[in-house]
Amino acid sequence: MDLYLKDKVIIVTGGSAGIGRGISMALAKEGAIPFIIGRTKEKVDACVKEIQALEGKVGKAYAELTDAHECENAVKSALEQFGQIDGLVNNAGVNDSVGLEHGLVEGFVKSLHKNLTHYYTMAKLVLPELKKNKGAIVNIGSKTSVTGQGGTSGYAAANGGRNALTREWAVELLPYSIRVNAIIVAECYTPLYDKWIKTFDNPEEKLAEITKNIPLENRMTSEQEIADTALFLLSSRSSHTTGQLLYVDGGYTHLDRSL
């Protein structure tokens, strides 16, 4: 199926690793131009080279997303390189385990800034271009906003904010035909997930304990499955879909886990 994404310029924050990398690669294979924004030069460069090796088009900028000035420079760079922005994937963030009992107020505020504020910053910066092109925004979120997890108040609150902003922006941007949707991720095996699972004494046992509770096929969601949904939401194939929270999670969030 042609997703009509050829030569569309899509900014992907945190687009060089994990879910972001999966989305960047999928966009390039579809003929779109992912513009990767990340703070780690080595990872960004490696992903860019990988896309170029496949003869795909790609752009990049290095930025600390908690710095609004660096975000602004990254967007300017995208426009200088390609002259347009057709979509935004807000993806960057980290489950930083800032809890209530053992956390600090300063850490909670920092977590919100690290996981939520730049979603607003980036959307604000690209909005003039999206208005020209009837573009789309896809926010990547987490099940923690719905289920809770324990010990991660900052991340859970930030993801609740991502959900709320998705619906709020979908309403506000209706006059411009800009669609805004979110993908809610549960258990997706990314490098960060791998790092977390290895903190346990018996990583394989812990992983098996988790996957047995994922109703559909008792397996983790793949980065590719998240990417495929993101591309659909960015494309005009989803032309009447906005304000939706799509759970790409094998039924983990809503189905009976005793299945």
C-alpha atoms as a PDB file:
ATOM      1  CA  MET A   1       0.000   0.000   0.000  1.00  0.00           C
ATOM      2  CA  ASP A   2       1.338   3.408  -0.960  1.00  0.00           C
ATOM      3  CA  LEU A   3       1.264   5.648   2.115  1.00  0.00           C
ATOM      4  CA  TYR A   4       1.887   8.782   0.048  1.00  0.00           C
ATOM      5  CA  LEU A   5       4.870   9.663   2.219  1.00  0.00           C
ATOM      6  CA  LYS A   6       7.471   9.969  -0.520  1.00  0.00           C
ATOM      7  CA  ASP A   7       9.667  13.055   0.016  1.00  0.00           C
ATOM      8  CA  LYS A   8       7.661  14.101   3.087  1.00  0.00           C
ATOM      9  CA  VAL A   9       9.955  15.538   5.758  1.00  0.00           C
ATOM     10  CA  ILE A  10       9.186  14.082   9.171  1.00  0.00           C
ATOM     11  CA  ILE A  11      10.995  15.203  12.314  1.00  0.00           C
ATOM     12  CA  VAL A  12      11.635  12.334  14.737  1.00  0.00           C
ATOM     13  CA  THR A  13      12.917  13.249  18.186  1.00  0.00           C
ATOM     14  CA  GLY A  14      15.128  10.599  19.698  1.00  0.00           C
ATOM     15  CA  GLY A  15      15.089   9.162  16.196  1.00  0.00           C
ATOM     16  CA  SER A  16      18.391   7.309  16.334  1.00  0.00           C
ATOM     17  CA  ALA A  17      17.699   4.610  18.925  1.00  0.00           C
ATOM     18  CA  GLY A  18      14.968   2.223  19.995  1.00  0.00           C
ATOM     19  CA  ILE A  19      11.456   3.041  18.830  1.00  0.00           C
ATOM     20  CA  GLY A  20      12.659   6.303  17.284  1.00  0.00           C
ATOM     21  CA  ARG A  21      15.230   4.501  15.176  1.00  0.00           C
ATOM     22  CA  GLY A  22      12.601   2.014  14.046  1.00  0.00           C
ATOM     23  CA  ILE A  23      10.371   4.876  12.915  1.00  0.00           C
ATOM     24  CA  SER A  24      13.235   6.670  11.150  1.00  0.00           C
ATOM     25  CA  MET A  25      14.234   3.519   9.266  1.00  0.00           C
ATOM     26  CA  ALA A  26      10.635   2.754   8.277  1.00  0.00           C
ATOM     27  CA  LEU A  27      10.112   6.302   7.016  1.00  0.00           C
ATOM     28  CA  ALA A  28      13.244   6.136   4.867  1.00  0.00           C
ATOM     29  CA  LYS A  29      12.215   2.784   3.391  1.00  0.00           C
ATOM     30  CA  GLU A  30       8.844   4.307   2.518  1.00  0.00           C
ATOM     31  CA  GLY A  31      10.574   7.103   0.606  1.00  0.00           C
ATOM     32  CA  ALA A  32      10.013   9.778   3.252  1.00  0.00           C
ATOM     33  CA  ILE A  33      12.807  11.928   4.677  1.00  0.00           C
ATOM     34  CA  PRO A  34      13.257  11.398   8.408  1.00  0.00           C
ATOM     35  CA  PHE A  35      14.919  14.333  10.136  1.00  0.00           C
ATOM     36  CA  ILE A  36      16.516  12.877  13.227  1.00  0.00           C
ATOM     37  CA  ILE A  37      17.020  15.022  16.304  1.00  0.00           C
ATOM     38  CA  GLY A  38      19.061  13.607  19.160  1.00  0.00           C
ATOM     39  CA  ARG A  39      21.670  14.610  21.699  1.00  0.00           C
ATOM     40  CA  THR A  40      24.127  11.736  21.203  1.00  0.00           C
ATOM     41  CA  LYS A  41      26.195  12.491  18.120  1.00  0.00           C
ATOM     42  CA  GLU A  42      27.511   8.940  17.708  1.00  0.00           C
ATOM     43  CA  LYS A  43      24.037   7.394  17.702  1.00  0.00           C
ATOM     44  CA  VAL A  44      22.581  10.014  15.375  1.00  0.00           C
ATOM     45  CA  ASP A  45      25.472   9.673  12.920  1.00  0.00           C
ATOM     46  CA  ALA A  46      25.265   5.876  12.984  1.00  0.00           C
ATOM     47  CA  CYS A  47      21.551   5.894  12.174  1.00  0.00           C
ATOM     48  CA  VAL A  48      22.053   8.439   9.391  1.00  0.00           C
ATOM     49  CA  LYS A  49      24.789   6.296   7.832  1.00  0.00           C
ATOM     50  CA  GLU A  50      22.563   3.234   8.039  1.00  0.00           C
ATOM     51  CA  ILE A  51      19.786   5.019   6.151  1.00  0.00           C
ATOM     52  CA  GLN A  52      22.204   6.422   3.593  1.00  0.00           C
ATOM     53  CA  ALA A  53      23.593   2.918   3.006  1.00  0.00           C
ATOM     54  CA  LEU A  54      20.078   1.949   1.949  1.00  0.00           C
ATOM     55  CA  GLU A  55      20.081   4.941  -0.415  1.00  0.00           C
ATOM     56  CA  GLY A  56      17.477   6.707   1.677  1.00  0.00           C
ATOM     57  CA  LYS A  57      17.206  10.437   2.237  1.00  0.00           C
ATOM     58  CA  VAL A  58      17.764  11.664   5.781  1.00  0.00           C
ATOM     59  CA  GLY A  59      18.585  14.791   7.774  1.00  0.00           C
ATOM     60  CA  LYS A  60      19.932  15.329  11.269  1.00  0.00           C
ATOM     61  CA  ALA A  61      20.504  17.816  14.044  1.00  0.00           C
ATOM     62  CA  TYR A  62      22.063  17.434  17.466  1.00  0.00           C
ATOM     63  CA  ALA A  63      20.037  18.915  20.294  1.00  0.00           C
ATOM     64  CA  GLU A  64      19.342  18.614  23.994  1.00  0.00           C
ATOM     65  CA  LEU A  65      15.561  18.653  23.846  1.00  0.00           C
ATOM     66  CA  THR A  66      15.173  20.184  27.292  1.00  0.00           C
ATOM     67  CA  ASP A  67      16.825  23.305  25.856  1.00  0.00           C
ATOM     68  CA  ALA A  68      14.230  25.258  23.860  1.00  0.00           C
ATOM     69  CA  HIS A  69      16.947  27.213  22.037  1.00  0.00           C
ATOM     70  CA  GLU A  70      18.564  23.993  20.799  1.00  0.00           C
ATOM     71  CA  CYS A  71      15.150  22.724  19.658  1.00  0.00           C
ATOM     72  CA  GLU A  72      14.645  25.959  17.725  1.00  0.00           C
ATOM     73  CA  ASN A  73      18.028  25.611  16.023  1.00  0.00           C
ATOM     74  CA  ALA A  74      17.239  22.005  15.073  1.00  0.00           C
ATOM     75  CA  VAL A  75      13.965  22.996  13.416  1.00  0.00           C
ATOM     76  CA  LYS A  76      15.706  25.831  11.597  1.00  0.00           C
ATOM     77  CA  SER A  77      18.273  23.343  10.352  1.00  0.00           C
ATOM     78  CA  ALA A  78      15.530  21.078   9.003  1.00  0.00           C
ATOM     79  CA  LEU A  79      14.007  23.971   7.082  1.00  0.00           C
ATOM     80  CA  GLU A  80      17.385  25.077   5.770  1.00  0.00           C
ATOM     81  CA  GLN A  81      18.141  21.580   4.498  1.00  0.00           C
ATOM     82  CA  PHE A  82      14.754  20.627   3.069  1.00  0.00           C
ATOM     83  CA  GLY A  83      12.538  23.719   2.971  1.00  0.00           C
ATOM     84  CA  GLN A  84       9.529  22.002   4.517  1.00  0.00           C
ATOM     85  CA  ILE A  85       8.274  19.983   7.480  1.00  0.00           C
ATOM     86  CA  ASP A  86       5.327  17.665   6.939  1.00  0.00           C
ATOM     87  CA  GLY A  87       5.113  15.811  10.218  1.00  0.00           C
ATOM     88  CA  LEU A  88       6.423  15.452  13.751  1.00  0.00           C
ATOM     89  CA  VAL A  89       7.008  12.349  15.835  1.00  0.00           C
ATOM     90  CA  ASN A  90       7.491  13.289  19.487  1.00  0.00           C
ATOM     91  CA  ASN A  91       9.296  10.245  20.790  1.00  0.00           C
ATOM     92  CA  ALA A  92      12.240  11.074  23.047  1.00  0.00           C
ATOM     93  CA  GLY A  93      12.004  10.332  26.749  1.00  0.00           C
ATOM     94  CA  VAL A  94      13.149   7.987  29.482  1.00  0.00           C
ATOM     95  CA  ASN A  95      11.513   6.089  32.323  1.00  0.00           C
ATOM     96  CA  ASP A  96      13.675   7.638  35.022  1.00  0.00           C
ATOM     97  CA  SER A  97      12.113   6.055  38.124  1.00  0.00           C
ATOM     98  CA  VAL A  98      11.317   9.249  40.018  1.00  0.00           C
ATOM     99  CA  GLY A  99       8.840   7.887  42.545  1.00  0.00           C
ATOM    100  CA  LEU A 100       6.792   9.415  45.347  1.00  0.00           C
ATOM    101  CA  GLU A 101       8.084   7.776  48.530  1.00  0.00           C
ATOM    102  CA  HIS A 102      11.768   7.979  47.675  1.00  0.00           C
ATOM    103  CA  GLY A 103      11.717  10.729  45.063  1.00  0.00           C
ATOM    104  CA  LEU A 104      12.310  14.459  45.370  1.00  0.00           C
ATOM    105  CA  VAL A 105      10.168  17.336  44.131  1.00  0.00           C
ATOM    106  CA  GLU A 106      13.136  18.637  42.145  1.00  0.00           C
ATOM    107  CA  GLY A 107      13.527  15.253  40.461  1.00  0.00           C
ATOM    108  CA  PHE A 108       9.815  15.121  39.660  1.00  0.00           C
ATOM    109  CA  VAL A 109       9.895  18.541  37.991  1.00  0.00           C
ATOM    110  CA  LYS A 110      13.036  17.573  36.070  1.00  0.00           C
ATOM    111  CA  SER A 111      11.327  14.378  34.880  1.00  0.00           C
ATOM    112  CA  LEU A 112       8.357  16.351  33.564  1.00  0.00           C
ATOM    113  CA  HIS A 113      10.710  18.680  31.724  1.00  0.00           C
ATOM    114  CA  LYS A 114      12.691  15.752  30.313  1.00  0.00           C
ATOM    115  CA  ASN A 115       9.667  13.724  29.235  1.00  0.00           C
ATOM    116  CA  LEU A 116       6.891  16.197  28.436  1.00  0.00           C
ATOM    117  CA  THR A 117       7.901  19.823  27.982  1.00  0.00           C
ATOM    118  CA  HIS A 118       9.802  19.253  24.756  1.00  0.00           C
ATOM    119  CA  TYR A 119       6.710  17.633  23.207  1.00  0.00           C
ATOM    120  CA  TYR A 120       5.064  21.049  23.476  1.00  0.00           C
ATOM    121  CA  THR A 121       8.216  22.904  22.429  1.00  0.00           C
ATOM    122  CA  MET A 122       8.649  20.865  19.247  1.00  0.00           C
ATOM    123  CA  ALA A 123       4.970  21.054  18.299  1.00  0.00           C
ATOM    124  CA  LYS A 124       5.023  24.824  18.787  1.00  0.00           C
ATOM    125  CA  LEU A 125       8.101  25.205  16.591  1.00  0.00           C
ATOM    126  CA  VAL A 126       6.875  23.078  13.671  1.00  0.00           C
ATOM    127  CA  LEU A 127       3.271  24.307  13.732  1.00  0.00           C
ATOM    128  CA  PRO A 128       3.701  27.040  11.082  1.00  0.00           C
ATOM    129  CA  GLU A 129       4.981  24.451   8.624  1.00  0.00           C
ATOM    130  CA  LEU A 130       2.317  21.890   9.492  1.00  0.00           C
ATOM    131  CA  LYS A 131      -0.356  24.529   8.876  1.00  0.00           C
ATOM    132  CA  LYS A 132       0.988  24.996   5.345  1.00  0.00           C
ATOM    133  CA  ASN A 133       1.023  21.280   4.608  1.00  0.00           C
ATOM    134  CA  LYS A 134      -1.903  19.926   6.648  1.00  0.00           C
ATOM    135  CA  GLY A 135       0.700  17.880   8.447  1.00  0.00           C
ATOM    136  CA  ALA A 136       0.387  15.380  11.265  1.00  0.00           C
ATOM    137  CA  ILE A 137       1.737  14.900  14.769  1.00  0.00           C
ATOM    138  CA  VAL A 138       2.295  11.518  16.388  1.00  0.00           C
ATOM    139  CA  ASN A 139       3.095  11.428  20.097  1.00  0.00           C
ATOM    140  CA  ILE A 140       4.669   8.288  21.514  1.00  0.00           C
ATOM    141  CA  GLY A 141       3.302   7.485  24.966  1.00  0.00           C
ATOM    142  CA  SER A 142       3.332   4.742  27.570  1.00  0.00           C
ATOM    143  CA  LYS A 143       0.871   2.484  29.343  1.00  0.00           C
ATOM    144  CA  THR A 144       2.137   3.930  32.634  1.00  0.00           C
ATOM    145  CA  SER A 145      -0.291   6.806  32.053  1.00  0.00           C
ATOM    146  CA  VAL A 146      -3.183   4.359  32.317  1.00  0.00           C
ATOM    147  CA  THR A 147      -2.032   1.431  34.454  1.00  0.00           C
ATOM    148  CA  GLY A 148       0.567   2.994  36.723  1.00  0.00           C
ATOM    149  CA  GLN A 149       3.789   1.121  37.368  1.00  0.00           C
ATOM    150  CA  GLY A 150       4.997   2.111  40.811  1.00  0.00           C
ATOM    151  CA  GLY A 151       8.082   4.137  41.573  1.00  0.00           C
ATOM    152  CA  THR A 152       7.906   6.301  38.477  1.00  0.00           C
ATOM    153  CA  SER A 153       5.640   9.266  39.247  1.00  0.00           C
ATOM    154  CA  GLY A 154       7.456  11.664  36.938  1.00  0.00           C
ATOM    155  CA  TYR A 155       7.330   9.434  33.880  1.00  0.00           C
ATOM    156  CA  ALA A 156       3.720   8.389  34.501  1.00  0.00           C
ATOM    157  CA  ALA A 157       2.612  12.001  34.937  1.00  0.00           C
ATOM    158  CA  ALA A 158       4.498  13.060  31.801  1.00  0.00           C
ATOM    159  CA  ASN A 159       2.771  10.357  29.807  1.00  0.00           C
ATOM    160  CA  GLY A 160      -0.594  11.398  31.168  1.00  0.00           C
ATOM    161  CA  GLY A 161       0.297  14.846  29.887  1.00  0.00           C
ATOM    162  CA  ARG A 162       1.209  13.424  26.476  1.00  0.00           C
ATOM    163  CA  ASN A 163      -2.236  11.840  26.246  1.00  0.00           C
ATOM    164  CA  ALA A 164      -3.945  15.057  27.267  1.00  0.00           C
ATOM    165  CA  LEU A 165      -1.932  17.162  24.817  1.00  0.00           C
ATOM    166  CA  THR A 166      -2.789  14.732  22.027  1.00  0.00           C
ATOM    167  CA  ARG A 167      -6.498  15.319  22.558  1.00  0.00           C
ATOM    168  CA  GLU A 168      -6.073  19.055  23.217  1.00  0.00           C
ATOM    169  CA  TRP A 169      -4.026  19.657  20.080  1.00  0.00           C
ATOM    170  CA  ALA A 170      -6.371  17.545  17.987  1.00  0.00           C
ATOM    171  CA  VAL A 171      -9.175  19.937  18.974  1.00  0.00           C
ATOM    172  CA  GLU A 172      -7.190  23.150  18.631  1.00  0.00           C
ATOM    173  CA  LEU A 173      -5.746  22.247  15.234  1.00  0.00           C
ATOM    174  CA  LEU A 174      -8.981  21.101  13.597  1.00  0.00           C
ATOM    175  CA  PRO A 175      -9.272  24.362  11.589  1.00  0.00           C
ATOM    176  CA  TYR A 176      -5.974  23.539   9.880  1.00  0.00           C
ATOM    177  CA  SER A 177      -6.758  19.857   9.194  1.00  0.00           C
ATOM    178  CA  ILE A 178      -3.718  18.883  11.258  1.00  0.00           C
ATOM    179  CA  ARG A 179      -4.237  15.437  12.738  1.00  0.00           C
ATOM    180  CA  VAL A 180      -2.791  14.570  16.144  1.00  0.00           C
ATOM    181  CA  ASN A 181      -2.672  11.039  17.518  1.00  0.00           C
ATOM    182  CA  ALA A 182      -0.694   9.045  20.062  1.00  0.00           C
ATOM    183  CA  ILE A 183       0.694   5.525  20.119  1.00  0.00           C
ATOM    184  CA  ILE A 184       0.647   3.995  23.584  1.00  0.00           C
ATOM    185  CA  VAL A 185       3.446   1.498  24.090  1.00  0.00           C
ATOM    186  CA  ALA A 186       3.504  -1.199  26.753  1.00  0.00           C
ATOM    187  CA  GLU A 187       6.268  -3.809  26.541  1.00  0.00           C
ATOM    188  CA  CYS A 188       8.548  -3.104  23.551  1.00  0.00           C
ATOM    189  CA  TYR A 189      12.055  -4.543  23.584  1.00  0.00           C
ATOM    190  CA  THR A 190      14.319  -1.572  22.979  1.00  0.00           C
ATOM    191  CA  PRO A 191      17.969  -1.091  24.022  1.00  0.00           C
ATOM    192  CA  LEU A 192      16.753   0.846  27.082  1.00  0.00           C
ATOM    193  CA  TYR A 193      14.391  -2.011  27.948  1.00  0.00           C
ATOM    194  CA  ASP A 194      17.260  -4.458  27.587  1.00  0.00           C
ATOM    195  CA  LYS A 195      19.370  -2.330  29.933  1.00  0.00           C
ATOM    196  CA  TRP A 196      16.533  -2.292  32.483  1.00  0.00           C
ATOM    197  CA  ILE A 197      15.845  -6.025  32.325  1.00  0.00           C
ATOM    198  CA  LYS A 198      19.524  -6.744  32.955  1.00  0.00           C
ATOM    199  CA  THR A 199      19.336  -4.945  36.309  1.00  0.00           C
ATOM    200  CA  PHE A 200      17.520  -7.989  37.718  1.00  0.00           C
ATOM    201  CA  ASP A 201      19.345 -10.970  39.229  1.00  0.00           C
ATOM    202  CA  ASN A 202      17.652 -13.329  36.769  1.00  0.00           C
ATOM    203  CA  PRO A 203      16.913 -11.310  33.601  1.00  0.00           C
ATOM    204  CA  GLU A 204      15.610 -14.241  31.569  1.00  0.00           C
ATOM    205  CA  GLU A 205      13.175 -15.253  34.296  1.00  0.00           C
ATOM    206  CA  LYS A 206      11.983 -11.665  34.684  1.00  0.00           C
ATOM    207  CA  LEU A 207      11.458 -11.337  30.927  1.00  0.00           C
ATOM    208  CA  ALA A 208       9.505 -14.601  30.819  1.00  0.00           C
ATOM    209  CA  GLU A 209       7.348 -13.386  33.715  1.00  0.00           C
ATOM    210  CA  ILE A 210       6.496 -10.240  31.753  1.00  0.00           C
ATOM    211  CA  THR A 211       5.870 -11.804  28.354  1.00  0.00           C
ATOM    212  CA  LYS A 212       3.550 -14.488  29.731  1.00  0.00           C
ATOM    213  CA  ASN A 213       1.169 -11.643  30.680  1.00  0.00           C
ATOM    214  CA  ILE A 214       1.034 -10.157  27.174  1.00  0.00           C
ATOM    215  CA  PRO A 215      -2.206 -11.673  25.819  1.00  0.00           C
ATOM    216  CA  LEU A 216      -1.449 -11.723  22.094  1.00  0.00           C
ATOM    217  CA  GLU A 217       1.137 -14.431  21.423  1.00  0.00           C
ATOM    218  CA  ASN A 218       2.831 -13.867  24.803  1.00  0.00           C
ATOM    219  CA  ARG A 219       5.590 -11.782  23.257  1.00  0.00           C
ATOM    220  CA  MET A 220       6.986  -8.282  23.305  1.00  0.00           C
ATOM    221  CA  THR A 221       5.837  -5.670  20.817  1.00  0.00           C
ATOM    222  CA  SER A 222       8.507  -5.033  18.182  1.00  0.00           C
ATOM    223  CA  GLU A 223       9.903  -1.645  17.217  1.00  0.00           C
ATOM    224  CA  GLN A 224       8.719  -2.377  13.671  1.00  0.00           C
ATOM    225  CA  GLU A 225       5.125  -2.768  14.842  1.00  0.00           C
ATOM    226  CA  ILE A 226       5.244   0.630  16.522  1.00  0.00           C
ATOM    227  CA  ALA A 227       6.866   2.128  13.431  1.00  0.00           C
ATOM    228  CA  ASP A 228       4.243   0.695  11.090  1.00  0.00           C
ATOM    229  CA  THR A 229       1.474   2.308  13.120  1.00  0.00           C
ATOM    230  CA  ALA A 230       3.341   5.614  13.262  1.00  0.00           C
ATOM    231  CA  LEU A 231       3.703   5.676   9.472  1.00  0.00           C
ATOM    232  CA  PHE A 232       0.001   5.007   9.021  1.00  0.00           C
ATOM    233  CA  LEU A 233      -0.893   7.872  11.367  1.00  0.00           C
ATOM    234  CA  LEU A 234       1.501  10.212   9.571  1.00  0.00           C
ATOM    235  CA  SER A 235       0.101   9.308   6.166  1.00  0.00           C
ATOM    236  CA  SER A 236      -3.034  10.544   4.446  1.00  0.00           C
ATOM    237  CA  ARG A 237      -4.256   6.938   4.562  1.00  0.00           C
ATOM    238  CA  SER A 238      -5.421   7.866   8.079  1.00  0.00           C
ATOM    239  CA  SER A 239      -6.996  11.077   6.830  1.00  0.00           C
ATOM    240  CA  HIS A 240      -9.992  10.968   9.194  1.00  0.00           C
ATOM    241  CA  THR A 241      -8.183   9.807  12.323  1.00  0.00           C
ATOM    242  CA  THR A 242      -7.369  12.381  14.979  1.00  0.00           C
ATOM    243  CA  GLY A 243      -7.361  12.675  18.759  1.00  0.00           C
ATOM    244  CA  GLN A 244      -6.866   8.936  19.153  1.00  0.00           C
ATOM    245  CA  LEU A 245      -4.740   6.981  21.605  1.00  0.00           C
ATOM    246  CA  LEU A 246      -3.773   3.778  19.796  1.00  0.00           C
ATOM    247  CA  TYR A 247      -2.581   0.942  22.020  1.00  0.00           C
ATOM    248  CA  VAL A 248      -0.040  -1.128  20.104  1.00  0.00           C
ATOM    249  CA  ASP A 249       0.641  -3.537  22.944  1.00  0.00           C
ATOM    250  CA  GLY A 250      -0.647  -7.031  22.182  1.00  0.00           C
ATOM    251  CA  GLY A 251      -3.653  -6.357  24.400  1.00  0.00           C
ATOM    252  CA  TYR A 252      -1.479  -5.835  27.477  1.00  0.00           C
ATOM    253  CA  THR A 253      -3.241  -2.737  28.778  1.00  0.00           C
ATOM    254  CA  HIS A 254      -6.887  -3.693  28.323  1.00  0.00           C
ATOM    255  CA  LEU A 255      -7.257  -7.451  27.969  1.00  0.00           C
ATOM    256  CA  ASP A 256      -7.462  -9.948  30.800  1.00  0.00           C
ATOM    257  CA  ARG A 257      -3.899 -11.019  31.458  1.00  0.00           C
ATOM    258  CA  SER A 258      -5.026 -14.450  32.592  1.00  0.00           C
ATOM    259  CA  LEU A 259      -5.747 -15.279  28.948  1.00  0.00           C
END
